[in-house]
């Protein structure tokens, strides 16, 4: 095997490894509502008033969320999606 082919094979292996590990990393996170600082949310809010990250206006808004390591949301005094929906309806 020549040097060029070996480098190409190594690169292909690294790329496939990255593609396989990305879903695993996503599975180890959960949405945690009510912990994001203003401008530091991860995506759309519950109210639907925006659909992008970094658009929250208030600290600790119950309708805004951030991804956190699975199992740590409650330690941060955060809410699950169902809890946040129930709180924003009342």
PDB file of N, CA and C in Angstrom:
ATOM      1  N   UNK A   1       0.850  -1.174   0.000  1.00  0.00           N
ATOM      2  CA  UNK A   1       0.000   0.000   0.000  1.00  0.00           C
ATOM      3  C   UNK A   1       0.896   1.239   0.000  1.00  0.00           C
ATOM      4  N   UNK A   2       0.651   2.143  -0.919  1.00  0.00           N
ATOM      5  CA  UNK A   2       1.501   3.325  -0.958  1.00  0.00           C
ATOM      6  C   UNK A   2       1.060   4.346   0.099  1.00  0.00           C
ATOM      7  N   UNK A   3       1.897   5.342   0.302  1.00  0.00           N
ATOM      8  CA  UNK A   3       1.673   6.339   1.336  1.00  0.00           C
ATOM      9  C   UNK A   3       0.368   7.105   1.141  1.00  0.00           C
ATOM     10  N   UNK A   4       0.090   7.468  -0.090  1.00  0.00           N
ATOM     11  CA  UNK A   4      -1.113   8.254  -0.394  1.00  0.00           C
ATOM     12  C   UNK A   4      -2.389   7.460  -0.079  1.00  0.00           C
ATOM     13  N   UNK A   5      -2.410   6.200  -0.442  1.00  0.00           N
ATOM     14  CA  UNK A   5      -3.572   5.356  -0.170  1.00  0.00           C
ATOM     15  C   UNK A   5      -3.751   5.141   1.329  1.00  0.00           C
ATOM     16  N   UNK A   6      -2.656   5.008   2.058  1.00  0.00           N
ATOM     17  CA  UNK A   6      -2.723   4.814   3.493  1.00  0.00           C
ATOM     18  C   UNK A   6      -3.284   6.060   4.177  1.00  0.00           C
ATOM     19  N   UNK A   7      -2.874   7.229   3.740  1.00  0.00           N
ATOM     20  CA  UNK A   7      -3.386   8.477   4.309  1.00  0.00           C
ATOM     21  C   UNK A   7      -4.880   8.621   4.007  1.00  0.00           C
ATOM     22  N   UNK A   8      -5.280   8.286   2.802  1.00  0.00           N
ATOM     23  CA  UNK A   8      -6.696   8.362   2.426  1.00  0.00           C
ATOM     24  C   UNK A   8      -7.528   7.404   3.271  1.00  0.00           C
ATOM     25  N   UNK A   9      -7.022   6.198   3.491  1.00  0.00           N
ATOM     26  CA  UNK A   9      -7.744   5.219   4.297  1.00  0.00           C
ATOM     27  C   UNK A   9      -7.866   5.685   5.747  1.00  0.00           C
ATOM     28  N   UNK A  10      -6.804   6.264   6.273  1.00  0.00           N
ATOM     29  CA  UNK A  10      -6.832   6.774   7.645  1.00  0.00           C
ATOM     30  C   UNK A  10      -7.837   7.914   7.764  1.00  0.00           C
ATOM     31  N   UNK A  11      -7.859   8.799   6.787  1.00  0.00           N
ATOM     32  CA  UNK A  11      -8.809   9.908   6.792  1.00  0.00           C
ATOM     33  C   UNK A  11     -10.245   9.423   6.723  1.00  0.00           C
ATOM     34  N   UNK A  12     -10.493   8.439   5.882  1.00  0.00           N
ATOM     35  CA  UNK A  12     -11.843   7.875   5.770  1.00  0.00           C
ATOM     36  C   UNK A  12     -12.270   7.218   7.080  1.00  0.00           C
ATOM     37  N   UNK A  13     -11.345   6.561   7.742  1.00  0.00           N
ATOM     38  CA  UNK A  13     -11.657   5.928   9.030  1.00  0.00           C
ATOM     39  C   UNK A  13     -12.023   6.978  10.071  1.00  0.00           C
ATOM     40  N   UNK A  14     -11.281   8.048  10.120  1.00  0.00           N
ATOM     41  CA  UNK A  14     -11.566   9.115  11.083  1.00  0.00           C
ATOM     42  C   UNK A  14     -12.918   9.767  10.810  1.00  0.00           C
ATOM     43  N   UNK A  15     -13.222   9.986   9.537  1.00  0.00           N
ATOM     44  CA  UNK A  15     -14.505  10.596   9.178  1.00  0.00           C
ATOM     45  C   UNK A  15     -15.665   9.696   9.579  1.00  0.00           C
ATOM     46  N   UNK A  16     -15.556   8.408   9.333  1.00  0.00           N
ATOM     47  CA  UNK A  16     -16.648   7.496   9.683  1.00  0.00           C
ATOM     48  C   UNK A  16     -16.797   7.387  11.197  1.00  0.00           C
ATOM     49  N   UNK A  17     -15.703   7.459  11.914  1.00  0.00           N
ATOM     50  CA  UNK A  17     -15.754   7.435  13.372  1.00  0.00           C
ATOM     51  C   UNK A  17     -16.486   8.663  13.897  1.00  0.00           C
ATOM     52  N   UNK A  18     -16.223   9.820  13.324  1.00  0.00           N
ATOM     53  CA  UNK A  18     -16.883  11.053  13.742  1.00  0.00           C
ATOM     54  C   UNK A  18     -18.381  10.979  13.480  1.00  0.00           C
ATOM     55  N   UNK A  19     -18.770  10.410  12.364  1.00  0.00           N
ATOM     56  CA  UNK A  19     -20.191  10.298  12.033  1.00  0.00           C
ATOM     57  C   UNK A  19     -20.916   9.335  12.953  1.00  0.00           C
ATOM     58  N   UNK A  20     -20.243   8.292  13.384  1.00  0.00           N
ATOM     59  CA  UNK A  20     -20.860   7.315  14.272  1.00  0.00           C
ATOM     60  C   UNK A  20     -20.964   7.862  15.685  1.00  0.00           C
ATOM     61  N   UNK A  21     -19.986   8.622  16.146  1.00  0.00           N
ATOM     62  CA  UNK A  21     -19.989   9.101  17.535  1.00  0.00           C
ATOM     63  C   UNK A  21     -20.908  10.299  17.750  1.00  0.00           C
ATOM     64  N   UNK A  22     -21.262  11.050  16.733  1.00  0.00           N
ATOM     65  CA  UNK A  22     -22.118  12.224  16.894  1.00  0.00           C
ATOM     66  C   UNK A  22     -23.490  11.873  17.457  1.00  0.00           C
ATOM     67  N   UNK A  23     -24.191  10.869  16.937  1.00  0.00           N
ATOM     68  CA  UNK A  23     -25.489  10.530  17.529  1.00  0.00           C
ATOM     69  C   UNK A  23     -25.379  10.061  18.970  1.00  0.00           C
ATOM     70  N   UNK A  24     -24.297   9.387  19.320  1.00  0.00           N
ATOM     71  CA  UNK A  24     -24.109   8.940  20.694  1.00  0.00           C
ATOM     72  C   UNK A  24     -23.998  10.147  21.613  1.00  0.00           C
ATOM     73  N   UNK A  25     -23.263  11.167  21.206  1.00  0.00           N
ATOM     74  CA  UNK A  25     -23.122  12.372  22.015  1.00  0.00           C
ATOM     75  C   UNK A  25     -24.466  13.063  22.196  1.00  0.00           C
ATOM     76  N   UNK A  26     -25.280  13.098  21.158  1.00  0.00           N
ATOM     77  CA  UNK A  26     -26.597  13.730  21.246  1.00  0.00           C
ATOM     78  C   UNK A  26     -27.508  12.956  22.196  1.00  0.00           C
ATOM     79  N   UNK A  27     -27.367  11.647  22.254  1.00  0.00           N
ATOM     80  CA  UNK A  27     -28.188  10.835  23.142  1.00  0.00           C
ATOM     81  C   UNK A  27     -27.825  11.048  24.610  1.00  0.00           C
ATOM     82  N   UNK A  28     -26.662  11.575  24.880  1.00  0.00           N
ATOM     83  CA  UNK A  28     -26.223  11.778  26.249  1.00  0.00           C
ATOM     84  C   UNK A  28     -26.555  13.172  26.758  1.00  0.00           C
ATOM     85  N   UNK A  29     -27.400  13.893  26.051  1.00  0.00           N
ATOM     86  CA  UNK A  29     -27.813  15.230  26.448  1.00  0.00           C
ATOM     87  C   UNK A  29     -29.327  15.283  26.527  1.00  0.00           C
ATOM     88  N   UNK A  30     -29.831  16.266  27.264  1.00  0.00           N
ATOM     89  CA  UNK A  30     -31.263  16.486  27.361  1.00  0.00           C
ATOM     90  C   UNK A  30     -31.547  17.980  27.380  1.00  0.00           C
ATOM     91  N   UNK A  31     -32.747  18.343  26.964  1.00  0.00           N
ATOM     92  CA  UNK A  31     -33.167  19.736  27.020  1.00  0.00           C
ATOM     93  C   UNK A  31     -33.529  20.063  28.461  1.00  0.00           C
ATOM     94  N   UNK A  32     -33.000  21.181  28.948  1.00  0.00           N
ATOM     95  CA  UNK A  32     -33.278  21.625  30.304  1.00  0.00           C
ATOM     96  C   UNK A  32     -33.852  23.037  30.223  1.00  0.00           C
ATOM     97  N   UNK A  33     -35.092  23.185  30.621  1.00  0.00           N
ATOM     98  CA  UNK A  33     -35.794  24.462  30.531  1.00  0.00           C
ATOM     99  C   UNK A  33     -35.608  25.280  31.797  1.00  0.00           C
ATOM    100  N   UNK A  34     -35.576  26.601  31.620  1.00  0.00           N
ATOM    101  CA  UNK A  34     -35.532  27.507  32.755  1.00  0.00           C
ATOM    102  C   UNK A  34     -34.154  27.769  33.324  1.00  0.00           C
ATOM    103  N   UNK A  35     -33.096  27.385  32.625  1.00  0.00           N
ATOM    104  CA  UNK A  35     -31.741  27.612  33.150  1.00  0.00           C
ATOM    105  C   UNK A  35     -30.910  28.534  32.268  1.00  0.00           C
ATOM    106  N   UNK A  36     -31.401  28.849  31.085  1.00  0.00           N
ATOM    107  CA  UNK A  36     -30.604  29.638  30.127  1.00  0.00           C
ATOM    108  C   UNK A  36     -30.575  31.114  30.518  1.00  0.00           C
ATOM    109  N   UNK A  37     -29.419  31.697  30.432  1.00  0.00           N
ATOM    110  CA  UNK A  37     -29.275  33.145  30.614  1.00  0.00           C
ATOM    111  C   UNK A  37     -29.735  33.831  29.331  1.00  0.00           C
ATOM    112  N   UNK A  38     -30.051  35.115  29.420  1.00  0.00           N
ATOM    113  CA  UNK A  38     -30.479  35.873  28.241  1.00  0.00           C
ATOM    114  C   UNK A  38     -29.426  35.765  27.142  1.00  0.00           C
ATOM    115  N   UNK A  39     -29.887  35.407  25.949  1.00  0.00           N
ATOM    116  CA  UNK A  39     -28.988  35.281  24.806  1.00  0.00           C
ATOM    117  C   UNK A  39     -28.186  34.002  24.755  1.00  0.00           C
ATOM    118  N   UNK A  40     -28.439  33.059  25.672  1.00  0.00           N
ATOM    119  CA  UNK A  40     -27.648  31.836  25.703  1.00  0.00           C
ATOM    120  C   UNK A  40     -28.489  30.567  25.572  1.00  0.00           C
ATOM    121  N   UNK A  41     -29.718  30.695  25.059  1.00  0.00           N
ATOM    122  CA  UNK A  41     -30.547  29.511  24.831  1.00  0.00           C
ATOM    123  C   UNK A  41     -30.001  28.730  23.645  1.00  0.00           C
ATOM    124  N   UNK A  42     -30.388  27.455  23.543  1.00  0.00           N
ATOM    125  CA  UNK A  42     -29.864  26.606  22.469  1.00  0.00           C
ATOM    126  C   UNK A  42     -30.725  26.575  21.212  1.00  0.00           C
ATOM    127  N   UNK A  43     -32.009  26.841  21.304  1.00  0.00           N
ATOM    128  CA  UNK A  43     -32.836  26.851  20.095  1.00  0.00           C
ATOM    129  C   UNK A  43     -34.194  27.467  20.395  1.00  0.00           C
ATOM    130  N   UNK A  44     -35.201  27.124  19.609  1.00  0.00           N
ATOM    131  CA  UNK A  44     -36.532  27.715  19.704  1.00  0.00           C
ATOM    132  C   UNK A  44     -37.122  27.595  21.106  1.00  0.00           C
ATOM    133  N   UNK A  45     -37.974  28.551  21.464  1.00  0.00           N
ATOM    134  CA  UNK A  45     -38.624  28.499  22.772  1.00  0.00           C
ATOM    135  C   UNK A  45     -39.994  27.852  22.675  1.00  0.00           C
ATOM    136  N   UNK A  46     -40.605  27.602  23.820  1.00  0.00           N
ATOM    137  CA  UNK A  46     -41.915  26.958  23.849  1.00  0.00           C
ATOM    138  C   UNK A  46     -43.004  27.828  23.228  1.00  0.00           C
ATOM    139  N   UNK A  47     -42.924  29.138  23.415  1.00  0.00           N
ATOM    140  CA  UNK A  47     -43.961  30.044  22.923  1.00  0.00           C
ATOM    141  C   UNK A  47     -43.946  30.186  21.409  1.00  0.00           C
ATOM    142  N   UNK A  48     -42.830  29.854  20.786  1.00  0.00           N
ATOM    143  CA  UNK A  48     -42.716  29.968  19.340  1.00  0.00           C
ATOM    144  C   UNK A  48     -42.430  31.388  18.870  1.00  0.00           C
ATOM    145  N   UNK A  49     -42.010  32.253  19.779  1.00  0.00           N
ATOM    146  CA  UNK A  49     -41.725  33.637  19.395  1.00  0.00           C
ATOM    147  C   UNK A  49     -40.369  33.802  18.722  1.00  0.00           C
ATOM    148  N   UNK A  50     -39.523  32.781  18.786  1.00  0.00           N
ATOM    149  CA  UNK A  50     -38.274  32.757  18.022  1.00  0.00           C
ATOM    150  C   UNK A  50     -37.893  31.310  17.756  1.00  0.00           C
ATOM    151  N   UNK A  51     -37.019  31.121  16.787  1.00  0.00           N
ATOM    152  CA  UNK A  51     -36.668  29.745  16.409  1.00  0.00           C
ATOM    153  C   UNK A  51     -35.169  29.499  16.351  1.00  0.00           C
ATOM    154  N   UNK A  52     -34.394  30.376  16.966  1.00  0.00           N
ATOM    155  CA  UNK A  52     -32.944  30.223  16.878  1.00  0.00           C
ATOM    156  C   UNK A  52     -32.270  30.350  18.230  1.00  0.00           C
ATOM    157  N   UNK A  53     -31.061  29.834  18.286  1.00  0.00           N
ATOM    158  CA  UNK A  53     -30.244  29.947  19.492  1.00  0.00           C
ATOM    159  C   UNK A  53     -29.839  31.392  19.714  1.00  0.00           C
ATOM    160  N   UNK A  54     -29.651  31.734  20.978  1.00  0.00           N
ATOM    161  CA  UNK A  54     -29.145  33.054  21.331  1.00  0.00           C
ATOM    162  C   UNK A  54     -30.170  34.169  21.251  1.00  0.00           C
ATOM    163  N   UNK A  55     -31.453  33.849  21.177  1.00  0.00           N
ATOM    164  CA  UNK A  55     -32.469  34.894  21.054  1.00  0.00           C
ATOM    165  C   UNK A  55     -33.321  35.079  22.302  1.00  0.00           C
ATOM    166  N   UNK A  56     -33.000  34.418  23.391  1.00  0.00           N
ATOM    167  CA  UNK A  56     -33.778  34.608  24.618  1.00  0.00           C
ATOM    168  C   UNK A  56     -33.523  36.007  25.165  1.00  0.00           C
ATOM    169  N   UNK A  57     -34.545  36.583  25.760  1.00  0.00           N
ATOM    170  CA  UNK A  57     -34.464  37.967  26.258  1.00  0.00           C
ATOM    171  C   UNK A  57     -34.282  38.045  27.773  1.00  0.00           C
ATOM    172  N   UNK A  58     -34.685  36.999  28.498  1.00  0.00           N
ATOM    173  CA  UNK A  58     -34.641  37.011  29.959  1.00  0.00           C
ATOM    174  C   UNK A  58     -33.798  35.867  30.503  1.00  0.00           C
ATOM    175  N   UNK A  59     -33.173  36.100  31.639  1.00  0.00           N
ATOM    176  CA  UNK A  59     -32.474  35.022  32.336  1.00  0.00           C
ATOM    177  C   UNK A  59     -33.508  34.064  32.925  1.00  0.00           C
ATOM    178  N   UNK A  60     -33.232  32.790  32.859  1.00  0.00           N
ATOM    179  CA  UNK A  60     -34.019  31.729  33.489  1.00  0.00           C
ATOM    180  C   UNK A  60     -35.489  31.702  33.059  1.00  0.00           C
ATOM    181  N   UNK A  61     -35.770  32.080  31.826  1.00  0.00           N
ATOM    182  CA  UNK A  61     -37.123  32.019  31.288  1.00  0.00           C
ATOM    183  C   UNK A  61     -37.544  30.549  31.192  1.00  0.00           C
ATOM    184  N   UNK A  62     -38.705  30.217  31.728  1.00  0.00           N
ATOM    185  CA  UNK A  62     -39.173  28.823  31.760  1.00  0.00           C
ATOM    186  C   UNK A  62     -39.419  28.248  30.362  1.00  0.00           C
ATOM    187  N   UNK A  63     -39.594  29.089  29.362  1.00  0.00           N
ATOM    188  CA  UNK A  63     -39.831  28.627  28.002  1.00  0.00           C
ATOM    189  C   UNK A  63     -38.571  28.443  27.180  1.00  0.00           C
ATOM    190  N   UNK A  64     -37.421  28.829  27.707  1.00  0.00           N
ATOM    191  CA  UNK A  64     -36.131  28.713  27.013  1.00  0.00           C
ATOM    192  C   UNK A  64     -35.367  27.512  27.556  1.00  0.00           C
ATOM    193  N   UNK A  65     -34.537  26.911  26.708  1.00  0.00           N
ATOM    194  CA  UNK A  65     -33.806  25.723  27.141  1.00  0.00           C
ATOM    195  C   UNK A  65     -32.376  25.710  26.644  1.00  0.00           C
ATOM    196  N   UNK A  66     -31.597  24.844  27.291  1.00  0.00           N
ATOM    197  CA  UNK A  66     -30.216  24.556  26.900  1.00  0.00           C
ATOM    198  C   UNK A  66     -30.033  23.049  26.963  1.00  0.00           C
ATOM    199  N   UNK A  67     -29.130  22.527  26.133  1.00  0.00           N
ATOM    200  CA  UNK A  67     -28.750  21.127  26.253  1.00  0.00           C
ATOM    201  C   UNK A  67     -27.793  20.981  27.420  1.00  0.00           C
ATOM    202  N   UNK A  68     -28.037  19.984  28.251  1.00  0.00           N
ATOM    203  CA  UNK A  68     -27.153  19.675  29.374  1.00  0.00           C
ATOM    204  C   UNK A  68     -26.905  18.169  29.377  1.00  0.00           C
ATOM    205  N   UNK A  69     -25.914  17.750  30.095  1.00  0.00           N
ATOM    206  CA  UNK A  69     -25.631  16.314  30.217  1.00  0.00           C
ATOM    207  C   UNK A  69     -26.838  15.617  30.846  1.00  0.00           C
ATOM    208  N   UNK A  70     -27.189  14.481  30.294  1.00  0.00           N
ATOM    209  CA  UNK A  70     -28.365  13.741  30.752  1.00  0.00           C
ATOM    210  C   UNK A  70     -28.261  13.468  32.255  1.00  0.00           C
ATOM    211  N   UNK A  71     -29.340  13.769  32.966  1.00  0.00           N
ATOM    212  CA  UNK A  71     -29.380  13.525  34.403  1.00  0.00           C
ATOM    213  C   UNK A  71     -28.936  14.697  35.260  1.00  0.00           C
ATOM    214  N   UNK A  72     -28.521  15.813  34.653  1.00  0.00           N
ATOM    215  CA  UNK A  72     -28.034  16.948  35.449  1.00  0.00           C
ATOM    216  C   UNK A  72     -29.021  18.111  35.516  1.00  0.00           C
ATOM    217  N   UNK A  73     -30.099  18.056  34.770  1.00  0.00           N
ATOM    218  CA  UNK A  73     -31.038  19.179  34.712  1.00  0.00           C
ATOM    219  C   UNK A  73     -31.633  19.493  36.085  1.00  0.00           C
ATOM    220  N   UNK A  74     -32.084  18.497  36.793  1.00  0.00           N
ATOM    221  CA  UNK A  74     -32.697  18.715  38.109  1.00  0.00           C
ATOM    222  C   UNK A  74     -31.699  19.311  39.097  1.00  0.00           C
ATOM    223  N   UNK A  75     -30.425  18.914  38.986  1.00  0.00           N
ATOM    224  CA  UNK A  75     -29.394  19.474  39.861  1.00  0.00           C
ATOM    225  C   UNK A  75     -29.235  20.973  39.636  1.00  0.00           C
ATOM    226  N   UNK A  76     -29.529  21.426  38.411  1.00  0.00           N
ATOM    227  CA  UNK A  76     -29.416  22.843  38.059  1.00  0.00           C
ATOM    228  C   UNK A  76     -30.720  23.596  38.307  1.00  0.00           C
ATOM    229  N   UNK A  77     -31.669  22.928  38.937  1.00  0.00           N
ATOM    230  CA  UNK A  77     -33.000  23.505  39.210  1.00  0.00           C
ATOM    231  C   UNK A  77     -33.768  23.779  37.924  1.00  0.00           C
ATOM    232  N   UNK A  78     -33.515  22.953  36.897  1.00  0.00           N
ATOM    233  CA  UNK A  78     -34.198  23.101  35.621  1.00  0.00           C
ATOM    234  C   UNK A  78     -35.459  22.255  35.547  1.00  0.00           C
ATOM    235  N   UNK A  79     -36.157  22.394  34.434  1.00  0.00           N
ATOM    236  CA  UNK A  79     -37.430  21.713  34.216  1.00  0.00           C
ATOM    237  C   UNK A  79     -37.365  20.840  32.974  1.00  0.00           C
ATOM    238  N   UNK A  80     -38.150  19.772  32.970  1.00  0.00           N
ATOM    239  CA  UNK A  80     -38.307  18.975  31.757  1.00  0.00           C
ATOM    240  C   UNK A  80     -39.238  19.736  30.822  1.00  0.00           C
ATOM    241  N   UNK A  81     -39.369  19.282  29.584  1.00  0.00           N
ATOM    242  CA  UNK A  81     -40.254  19.945  28.620  1.00  0.00           C
ATOM    243  C   UNK A  81     -41.697  19.926  29.119  1.00  0.00           C
ATOM    244  N   UNK A  82     -42.149  18.807  29.656  1.00  0.00           N
ATOM    245  CA  UNK A  82     -43.526  18.708  30.154  1.00  0.00           C
ATOM    246  C   UNK A  82     -43.770  19.660  31.327  1.00  0.00           C
ATOM    247  N   UNK A  83     -42.814  19.735  32.244  1.00  0.00           N
ATOM    248  CA  UNK A  83     -42.952  20.642  33.384  1.00  0.00           C
ATOM    249  C   UNK A  83     -42.991  22.095  32.924  1.00  0.00           C
ATOM    250  N   UNK A  84     -42.124  22.431  31.978  1.00  0.00           N
ATOM    251  CA  UNK A  84     -42.075  23.804  31.473  1.00  0.00           C
ATOM    252  C   UNK A  84     -43.373  24.169  30.742  1.00  0.00           C
ATOM    253  N   UNK A  85     -43.921  23.238  29.958  1.00  0.00           N
ATOM    254  CA  UNK A  85     -45.184  23.491  29.267  1.00  0.00           C
ATOM    255  C   UNK A  85     -46.305  23.724  30.272  1.00  0.00           C
ATOM    256  N   UNK A  86     -46.354  22.911  31.320  1.00  0.00           N
ATOM    257  CA  UNK A  86     -47.385  23.067  32.335  1.00  0.00           C
ATOM    258  C   UNK A  86     -47.261  24.414  33.048  1.00  0.00           C
ATOM    259  N   UNK A  87     -46.056  24.854  33.302  1.00  0.00           N
ATOM    260  CA  UNK A  87     -45.846  26.132  34.018  1.00  0.00           C
ATOM    261  C   UNK A  87     -46.158  27.334  33.132  1.00  0.00           C
ATOM    262  N   UNK A  88     -45.915  27.223  31.851  1.00  0.00           N
ATOM    263  CA  UNK A  88     -46.158  28.377  30.977  1.00  0.00           C
ATOM    264  C   UNK A  88     -47.637  28.508  30.628  1.00  0.00           C
ATOM    265  N   UNK A  89     -48.422  27.448  30.786  1.00  0.00           N
ATOM    266  CA  UNK A  89     -49.861  27.526  30.517  1.00  0.00           C
ATOM    267  C   UNK A  89     -50.602  28.223  31.649  1.00  0.00           C
ATOM    268  N   UNK A  90     -50.098  28.106  32.867  1.00  0.00           N
ATOM    269  CA  UNK A  90     -50.823  28.687  34.008  1.00  0.00           C
ATOM    270  C   UNK A  90     -50.550  30.158  34.204  1.00  0.00           C
TER     271      UNK A  90
END
